[in-house]
C-alpha atoms as a PDB file:
ATOM      1  CA  MET A   1      72.431-214.390 169.858  1.00  0.00           C
ATOM      2  CA  MET A   2      70.469-214.823 173.083  1.00  0.00           C
ATOM      3  CA  ASN A   3      71.231-216.867 176.312  1.00  0.00           C
ATOM      4  CA  PRO A   4      71.382-220.447 175.051  1.00  0.00           C
ATOM      5  CA  ASN A   5      70.035-221.666 178.424  1.00  0.00           C
ATOM      6  CA  TRP A   6      66.644-220.404 177.584  1.00  0.00           C
ATOM      7  CA  LEU A   7      66.423-223.295 175.174  1.00  0.00           C
ATOM      8  CA  TYR A   8      66.463-225.842 178.157  1.00  0.00           C
ATOM      9  CA  LEU A   9      63.122-224.742 179.310  1.00  0.00           C
ATOM     10  CA  PRO A  10      61.045-226.158 176.440  1.00  0.00           C
ATOM     11  CA  VAL A  11      63.217-229.285 176.715  1.00  0.00           C
ATOM     12  CA  LEU A  12      62.300-229.632 180.410  1.00  0.00           C
ATOM     13  CA  LEU A  13      58.758-229.258 179.593  1.00  0.00           C
ATOM     14  CA  GLN A  14      59.090-232.248 177.101  1.00  0.00           C
ATOM     15  CA  ILE A  15      60.983-234.136 179.767  1.00  0.00           C
ATOM     16  CA  CYS A  16      58.275-233.397 182.358  1.00  0.00           C
ATOM     17  CA  LEU A  17      55.565-234.309 179.819  1.00  0.00           C
ATOM     18  CA  THR A  18      57.111-237.696 179.282  1.00  0.00           C
ATOM     19  CA  LEU A  19      57.626-238.478 182.884  1.00  0.00           C
ATOM     20  CA  THR A  20      54.018-237.495 183.618  1.00  0.00           C
ATOM     21  CA  VAL A  21      52.751-239.946 180.890  1.00  0.00           C
ATOM     22  CA  TYR A  22      54.927-242.571 182.451  1.00  0.00           C
ATOM     23  CA  SER A  23      53.250-241.795 185.765  1.00  0.00           C
ATOM     24  CA  ALA A  24      49.797-241.977 184.028  1.00  0.00           C
ATOM     25  CA  LEU A  25      50.703-245.322 182.489  1.00  0.00           C
ATOM     26  CA  ILE A  26      51.679-246.879 185.759  1.00  0.00           C
ATOM     27  CA  LEU A  27      48.586-245.747 187.505  1.00  0.00           C
ATOM     28  CA  ALA A  28      46.342-246.862 184.781  1.00  0.00           C
ATOM     29  CA  LYS A  29      48.107-250.262 184.746  1.00  0.00           C
ATOM     30  CA  ILE A  30      47.567-250.589 188.481  1.00  0.00           C
ATOM     31  CA  LYS A  31      43.909-249.612 188.199  1.00  0.00           C
ATOM     32  CA  ALA A  32      43.427-252.024 185.217  1.00  0.00           C
ATOM     33  CA  LEU A  33      45.105-255.029 187.217  1.00  0.00           C
ATOM     34  CA  ARG A  34      43.113-254.435 190.301  1.00  0.00           C
ATOM     35  CA  ALA A  35      39.828-254.120 188.406  1.00  0.00           C
ATOM     36  CA  GLY A  36      40.570-257.545 186.650  1.00  0.00           C
ATOM     37  CA  GLU A  37      40.542-255.810 183.236  1.00  0.00           C
ATOM     38  CA  VAL A  38      43.928-257.599 182.082  1.00  0.00           C
ATOM     39  CA  ASP A  39      44.445-260.744 180.212  1.00  0.00           C
ATOM     40  CA  ASN A  40      47.351-261.900 182.386  1.00  0.00           C
ATOM     41  CA  ALA A  41      48.384-264.612 179.944  1.00  0.00           C
ATOM     42  CA  ARG A  42      48.990-262.162 177.204  1.00  0.00           C
ATOM     43  CA  ARG A  43      49.990-258.825 178.865  1.00  0.00           C
ATOM     44  CA  ALA A  44      53.606-259.275 178.522  1.00  0.00           C
ATOM     45  CA  LEU A  45      53.671-259.380 174.666  1.00  0.00           C
ATOM     46  CA  HIS A  46      50.357-258.286 173.581  1.00  0.00           C
ATOM     47  CA  ASP A  47      48.908-254.652 174.005  1.00  0.00           C
ATOM     48  CA  ASP A  48      45.425-255.794 173.569  1.00  0.00           C
ATOM     49  CA  ALA A  49      45.698-257.620 176.641  1.00  0.00           C
ATOM     50  CA  TRP A  50      45.135-254.315 178.386  1.00  0.00           C
ATOM     51  CA  PRO A  51      41.917-252.206 178.336  1.00  0.00           C
ATOM     52  CA  GLU A  52      41.630-249.311 175.816  1.00  0.00           C
ATOM     53  CA  TYR A  53      42.489-246.459 178.436  1.00  0.00           C
ATOM     54  CA  VAL A  54      45.828-248.187 179.081  1.00  0.00           C
ATOM     55  CA  GLN A  55      46.584-248.694 175.274  1.00  0.00           C
ATOM     56  CA  LYS A  56      46.015-245.066 174.646  1.00  0.00           C
ATOM     57  CA  ILE A  57      48.517-244.020 177.364  1.00  0.00           C
ATOM     58  CA  ASN A  58      50.882-246.775 176.079  1.00  0.00           C
ATOM     59  CA  ASN A  59      50.785-245.632 172.635  1.00  0.00           C
ATOM     60  CA  ASN A  60      51.490-242.097 173.705  1.00  0.00           C
ATOM     61  CA  ILE A  61      54.626-242.992 175.818  1.00  0.00           C
ATOM     62  CA  ARG A  62      56.013-244.567 172.644  1.00  0.00           C
ATOM     63  CA  ASN A  63      55.318-241.527 170.652  1.00  0.00           C
ATOM     64  CA  GLN A  64      57.322-239.500 173.393  1.00  0.00           C
ATOM     65  CA  PHE A  65      60.441-241.427 171.844  1.00  0.00           C
ATOM     66  CA  GLU A  66      59.895-240.725 168.318  1.00  0.00           C
ATOM     67  CA  VAL A  67      59.924-237.087 166.934  1.00  0.00           C
ATOM     68  CA  PRO A  68      60.972-235.800 170.490  1.00  0.00           C
ATOM     69  CA  VAL A  69      64.342-237.632 170.003  1.00  0.00           C
ATOM     70  CA  LEU A  70      65.116-235.381 167.043  1.00  0.00           C
ATOM     71  CA  PHE A  71      64.075-232.275 169.135  1.00  0.00           C
ATOM     72  CA  TYR A  72      66.595-233.322 171.867  1.00  0.00           C
ATOM     73  CA  VAL A  73      69.428-233.611 169.374  1.00  0.00           C
ATOM     74  CA  LEU A  74      68.595-230.489 167.525  1.00  0.00           C
ATOM     75  CA  VAL A  75      68.356-228.344 170.748  1.00  0.00           C
ATOM     76  CA  ILE A  76      71.665-229.789 171.963  1.00  0.00           C
ATOM     77  CA  ALA A  77      73.481-229.099 168.741  1.00  0.00           C
ATOM     78  CA  LEU A  78      72.234-225.524 168.608  1.00  0.00           C
ATOM     79  CA  ILE A  79      73.312-224.852 172.042  1.00  0.00           C
ATOM     80  CA  GLU A  80      76.663-226.291 171.361  1.00  0.00           C
ATOM     81  CA  LEU A  81      77.052-224.118 168.413  1.00  0.00           C
ATOM     82  CA  ASP A  82      75.987-221.140 170.187  1.00  0.00           C
ATOM     83  CA  ALA A  83      73.309-220.725 167.679  1.00  0.00           C
ATOM     84  CA  VAL A  84      70.267-220.006 169.791  1.00  0.00           C
ATOM     85  CA  GLY A  85      68.039-217.122 168.554  1.00  0.00           C
ATOM     86  CA  VAL A  86      64.408-216.061 168.827  1.00  0.00           C
ATOM     87  CA  LEU A  87      63.379-218.149 165.954  1.00  0.00           C
ATOM     88  CA  ALA A  88      65.008-221.393 167.505  1.00  0.00           C
ATOM     89  CA  LEU A  89      63.429-220.585 171.070  1.00  0.00           C
ATOM     90  CA  LEU A  90      59.972-220.084 169.421  1.00  0.00           C
ATOM     91  CA  ALA A  91      60.190-223.307 167.300  1.00  0.00           C
ATOM     92  CA  ALA A  92      61.187-225.221 170.503  1.00  0.00           C
ATOM     93  CA  TRP A  93      58.385-223.904 172.503  1.00  0.00           C
ATOM     94  CA  VAL A  94      55.982-224.536 169.610  1.00  0.00           C
ATOM     95  CA  PHE A  95      57.389-228.220 169.662  1.00  0.00           C
ATOM     96  CA  ALA A  96      57.126-228.705 173.376  1.00  0.00           C
ATOM     97  CA  LEU A  97      53.605-227.066 173.599  1.00  0.00           C
ATOM     98  CA  SER A  98      52.466-229.228 170.539  1.00  0.00           C
ATOM     99  CA  ARG A  99      53.513-232.278 172.328  1.00  0.00           C
ATOM    100  CA  LEU A 100      51.718-231.423 175.434  1.00  0.00           C
ATOM    101  CA  PHE A 101      48.465-230.830 173.529  1.00  0.00           C
ATOM    102  CA  HIS A 102      49.116-233.913 171.431  1.00  0.00           C
ATOM    103  CA  ALA A 103      49.538-235.976 174.735  1.00  0.00           C
ATOM    104  CA  TRP A 104      46.362-234.532 176.163  1.00  0.00           C
ATOM    105  CA  ILE A 105      44.264-235.431 172.831  1.00  0.00           C
ATOM    106  CA  HIS A 106      45.986-238.868 172.563  1.00  0.00           C
ATOM    107  CA  THR A 107      45.432-239.950 176.149  1.00  0.00           C
ATOM    108  CA  GLY A 108      42.070-238.320 176.321  1.00  0.00           C
ATOM    109  CA  PRO A 109      39.493-237.964 173.729  1.00  0.00           C
ATOM    110  CA  ASN A 110      41.872-239.243 171.073  1.00  0.00           C
ATOM    111  CA  VAL A 111      40.132-237.314 168.208  1.00  0.00           C
ATOM    112  CA  VAL A 112      42.603-238.370 165.344  1.00  0.00           C
ATOM    113  CA  PRO A 113      42.093-235.228 163.032  1.00  0.00           C
ATOM    114  CA  LYS A 114      42.898-232.966 165.880  1.00  0.00           C
ATOM    115  CA  ARG A 115      45.894-235.035 167.205  1.00  0.00           C
ATOM    116  CA  ARG A 116      47.135-235.043 163.596  1.00  0.00           C
ATOM    117  CA  ASN A 117      47.031-231.373 163.227  1.00  0.00           C
ATOM    118  CA  ILE A 118      48.839-230.833 166.546  1.00  0.00           C
ATOM    119  CA  PHE A 119      51.296-233.363 165.625  1.00  0.00           C
ATOM    120  CA  LEU A 120      51.976-231.624 162.401  1.00  0.00           C
ATOM    121  CA  ILE A 121      52.501-228.451 164.062  1.00  0.00           C
ATOM    122  CA  GLY A 122      55.320-230.065 166.141  1.00  0.00           C
ATOM    123  CA  VAL A 123      56.927-231.538 162.964  1.00  0.00           C
ATOM    124  CA  LEU A 124      56.962-228.207 161.259  1.00  0.00           C
ATOM    125  CA  ALA A 125      58.730-226.874 164.314  1.00  0.00           C
ATOM    126  CA  ILE A 126      61.281-229.688 164.097  1.00  0.00           C
ATOM    127  CA  PHE A 127      61.610-228.698 160.225  1.00  0.00           C
ATOM    128  CA  VAL A 128      62.458-225.162 161.513  1.00  0.00           C
ATOM    129  CA  LEU A 129      64.983-226.261 164.043  1.00  0.00           C
ATOM    130  CA  THR A 130      66.450-228.472 161.410  1.00  0.00           C
ATOM    131  CA  ALA A 131      66.772-225.601 158.856  1.00  0.00           C
ATOM    132  CA  LEU A 132      68.378-223.394 161.495  1.00  0.00           C
ATOM    133  CA  LEU A 133      70.970-225.990 162.439  1.00  0.00           C
ATOM    134  CA  LEU A 134      71.684-226.783 158.689  1.00  0.00           C
ATOM    135  CA  TYR A 135      72.325-223.079 158.140  1.00  0.00           C
ATOM    136  CA  GLU A 136      74.553-222.813 161.047  1.00  0.00           C
ATOM    137  CA  VAL A 137      76.602-225.795 159.963  1.00  0.00           C
ATOM    138  CA  VAL A 138      76.847-224.512 156.364  1.00  0.00           C
ATOM    139  CA  VAL A 139      78.043-221.164 157.492  1.00  0.00           C
ATOM    140  CA  ARG A 140      80.732-222.577 159.613  1.00  0.00           C
ATOM    141  CA  LEU A 141      82.286-224.599 157.007  1.00  0.00           C
END
């Protein structure tokens, strides 16, 4: 096994990505409000009250709390079990980098086939991390 602390680096990348997308959302909403591009009567409950560029970022921030939640749990469990190997570290980096590229596509050009393919790469990394954790749990029974 290797130093489990290395696994925190892709976690920190994912956290920084989430905070960056939040910051981008705040700035985009301020810009839209100042430009008068928001339906103020609907903005509290309806995403379509905001312009498309805000909606893309808002949709991406939601996405940062879907599959990444599994990533956080899996990484914490692997670290707690002292089960951090090269494959776990590689899968964690693949996941975090896939999320970075996914966010860039999602909030930018939003080309769905490319976004989907990057998303699937991240999900495959989650499957690898899940298999590693399952193996560790079964071996320890």
